[in-house]
Amino acid sequence: MWLIEDTRQQAGKHELKHAQWDEHGDHLLRCALPFGDYAAVPPVSVDTKASMLEIAQNIGGSKAEHERFRRELIRAKEAGCHLYVLVENDEGIEDLEGVRRWVNPRLIDSPKAITGERLCIAMNTMQERYGVTFLFCAPERAAAWIHYLLERGI
């Protein structure tokens, strides 16, 4: 289990709790909480991407970028949190089949850039391995999607 400890908790004063959680295999993340000292990781989180190019870079860019993104998916899965990646786009892409047909404009200057076909395969693999869900919408629909996903809580 992942626990969140508020950064206002004084360092060194809660080592007994930390040791007990560690013995149980729990993980502790320190960050500012709006209220309280401890919280559980939420069951749902939404990561937004501003465009198809952004998600293409996250998945098919440099090895370091791909690994950073993959580690984020792994952390969400380990925390028991369902991560949604909401890709905003003006290209009318609504699903993975749309990704498959997508033509990466970077292919003109960089023939090694990821294709829509490869991006679709990678997204499918990530959904199967890490339990992430990729969703797509027009930018003007993003706020409604985020609200819906977080309110639903699954």
Protein backbone atom coordinates (compact mmCIF):
# COMPACT_ATOMS: atom_id res chain seq x y z
CA MET A 1 0.00 0.00 0.00
CA TRP A 2 1.12 3.54 -0.71
CA LEU A 3 0.56 6.16 1.98
CA ILE A 4 0.92 9.92 1.65
CA GLU A 5 2.45 11.86 4.53
CA ASP A 6 1.99 15.60 4.68
CA THR A 7 5.25 17.56 4.33
CA ARG A 8 4.35 19.53 7.46
CA GLN A 9 4.94 16.41 9.55
CA GLN A 10 8.25 16.97 11.32
CA ALA A 11 11.05 14.84 9.95
CA GLY A 12 12.44 12.31 12.42
CA LYS A 13 9.45 12.43 14.78
CA HIS A 14 7.49 9.58 13.20
CA GLU A 15 10.14 6.93 12.64
CA LEU A 16 8.25 4.27 14.63
CA LYS A 17 5.26 4.55 12.29
CA HIS A 18 7.56 4.57 9.26
CA ALA A 19 9.36 1.43 10.46
CA GLN A 20 6.08 -0.41 11.06
CA TRP A 21 4.79 0.50 7.62
CA ASP A 22 8.06 -0.57 6.09
CA GLU A 23 7.78 -3.96 7.85
CA HIS A 24 4.35 -4.42 6.24
CA GLY A 25 5.71 -3.53 2.79
CA ASP A 26 3.94 -0.17 2.69
CA HIS A 27 5.49 2.74 0.82
CA LEU A 28 5.51 6.34 1.98
CA LEU A 29 5.27 9.38 -0.26
CA ARG A 30 5.74 12.83 1.21
CA CYS A 31 3.83 15.69 -0.37
CA ALA A 32 1.68 18.61 0.70
CA LEU A 33 -1.83 17.57 1.70
CA PRO A 34 -4.63 20.14 1.80
CA PHE A 35 -5.76 18.70 5.16
CA GLY A 36 -4.74 15.95 7.57
CA ASP A 37 -1.37 14.32 8.15
CA TYR A 38 -1.84 11.06 6.21
CA ALA A 39 -3.87 9.92 3.25
CA ALA A 40 -4.17 6.90 1.00
CA VAL A 41 -3.31 7.09 -2.65
CA PRO A 42 -6.53 7.75 -4.55
CA PRO A 43 -8.10 4.86 -6.48
CA VAL A 44 -8.09 6.90 -9.71
CA SER A 45 -5.74 9.40 -11.28
CA VAL A 46 -5.82 11.20 -14.63
CA ASP A 47 -2.68 12.16 -16.53
CA THR A 48 -3.39 14.59 -19.35
CA LYS A 49 -1.43 14.91 -22.57
CA ALA A 50 -1.83 18.08 -24.63
CA SER A 51 -1.52 16.36 -28.00
CA MET A 52 -0.76 13.22 -29.93
CA LEU A 53 2.79 14.50 -30.33
CA GLU A 54 3.22 14.64 -26.55
CA ILE A 55 2.11 11.05 -25.98
CA ALA A 56 4.16 9.93 -29.01
CA GLN A 57 7.21 11.55 -27.41
CA ASN A 58 6.46 9.96 -24.01
CA ILE A 59 6.20 6.49 -25.52
CA GLY A 60 8.33 6.59 -28.65
CA GLY A 61 10.82 9.36 -27.94
CA SER A 62 14.15 8.92 -26.21
CA LYS A 63 14.82 5.84 -24.13
CA ALA A 64 14.99 8.05 -21.01
CA GLU A 65 11.59 9.60 -21.76
CA HIS A 66 10.01 6.20 -22.42
CA GLU A 67 11.44 4.80 -19.16
CA ARG A 68 10.23 7.82 -17.16
CA PHE A 69 6.71 7.35 -18.52
CA ARG A 70 6.81 3.58 -17.95
CA ARG A 71 7.96 4.06 -14.33
CA GLU A 72 4.97 6.35 -13.77
CA LEU A 73 2.63 3.60 -15.00
CA ILE A 74 4.35 1.03 -12.79
CA ARG A 75 4.10 3.28 -9.70
CA ALA A 76 0.37 3.78 -10.29
CA LYS A 77 -0.18 0.03 -10.67
CA GLU A 78 1.87 -0.76 -7.55
CA ALA A 79 -0.12 1.83 -5.61
CA GLY A 80 -3.39 0.18 -6.63
CA CYS A 81 -4.40 3.31 -8.51
CA HIS A 82 -6.14 3.12 -11.88
CA LEU A 83 -4.36 5.61 -14.13
CA TYR A 84 -6.15 7.13 -17.08
CA VAL A 85 -4.06 8.92 -19.70
CA LEU A 86 -6.31 11.43 -21.42
CA VAL A 87 -4.85 12.57 -24.73
CA GLU A 88 -6.34 15.83 -25.92
CA ASN A 89 -6.25 16.29 -29.67
CA ASP A 90 -7.80 18.32 -32.47
CA GLU A 91 -7.31 15.50 -34.96
CA GLY A 92 -10.55 13.68 -34.17
CA ILE A 93 -8.80 10.69 -32.58
CA GLU A 94 -11.22 8.98 -30.20
CA ASP A 95 -9.74 5.50 -29.71
CA LEU A 96 -6.77 3.25 -30.36
CA GLU A 97 -7.93 2.54 -33.89
CA GLY A 98 -7.64 6.27 -34.53
CA VAL A 99 -4.11 6.15 -33.12
CA ARG A 100 -3.29 3.31 -35.53
CA ARG A 101 -4.29 5.53 -38.47
CA TRP A 102 -2.55 8.66 -37.09
CA VAL A 103 0.29 10.04 -39.19
CA ASN A 104 3.04 11.52 -37.04
CA PRO A 105 4.06 14.85 -38.62
CA ARG A 106 7.61 14.34 -37.30
CA LEU A 107 8.08 11.49 -39.79
CA ILE A 108 8.73 14.13 -42.48
CA ASP A 109 11.96 15.30 -40.80
CA SER A 110 12.74 12.23 -38.72
CA PRO A 111 12.08 8.88 -40.41
CA LYS A 112 12.76 7.11 -37.09
CA ALA A 113 9.88 8.87 -35.33
CA ILE A 114 7.17 6.55 -34.03
CA THR A 115 4.34 5.71 -36.42
CA GLY A 116 0.68 5.56 -35.46
CA GLU A 117 0.80 1.78 -35.89
CA ARG A 118 3.75 1.37 -33.49
CA LEU A 119 2.23 3.84 -31.02
CA CYS A 120 -1.04 1.88 -31.01
CA ILE A 121 0.80 -1.40 -30.38
CA ALA A 122 2.79 0.19 -27.51
CA MET A 123 -0.37 1.63 -25.93
CA ASN A 124 -2.11 -1.74 -26.12
CA THR A 125 0.89 -3.40 -24.48
CA MET A 126 0.97 -0.79 -21.70
CA GLN A 127 -2.76 -1.22 -21.06
CA GLU A 128 -2.27 -4.98 -20.68
CA ARG A 129 0.91 -4.81 -18.56
CA TYR A 130 0.21 -1.84 -16.33
CA GLY A 131 -3.59 -1.52 -16.25
CA VAL A 132 -3.50 2.03 -17.61
CA THR A 133 -6.36 3.20 -19.82
CA PHE A 134 -5.71 5.52 -22.75
CA LEU A 135 -8.59 7.85 -23.62
CA PHE A 136 -8.86 10.56 -26.26
CA CYS A 137 -10.91 13.72 -26.60
CA ALA A 138 -11.01 17.20 -28.06
CA PRO A 139 -9.44 19.82 -25.74
CA GLU A 140 -12.81 21.43 -25.02
CA ARG A 141 -14.09 18.10 -23.62
CA ALA A 142 -11.11 17.40 -21.33
CA ALA A 143 -12.50 19.07 -18.20
CA ALA A 144 -15.74 17.09 -18.45
CA TRP A 145 -13.84 13.81 -18.98
CA ILE A 146 -11.56 14.44 -15.99
CA HIS A 147 -14.52 15.31 -13.77
CA TYR A 148 -16.39 12.20 -14.90
CA LEU A 149 -13.44 9.84 -14.33
CA LEU A 150 -12.58 11.22 -10.90
CA GLU A 151 -16.21 11.35 -9.78
CA ARG A 152 -16.74 7.73 -10.88
CA GLY A 153 -13.67 6.67 -8.96
CA ILE A 154 -12.97 3.48 -10.95
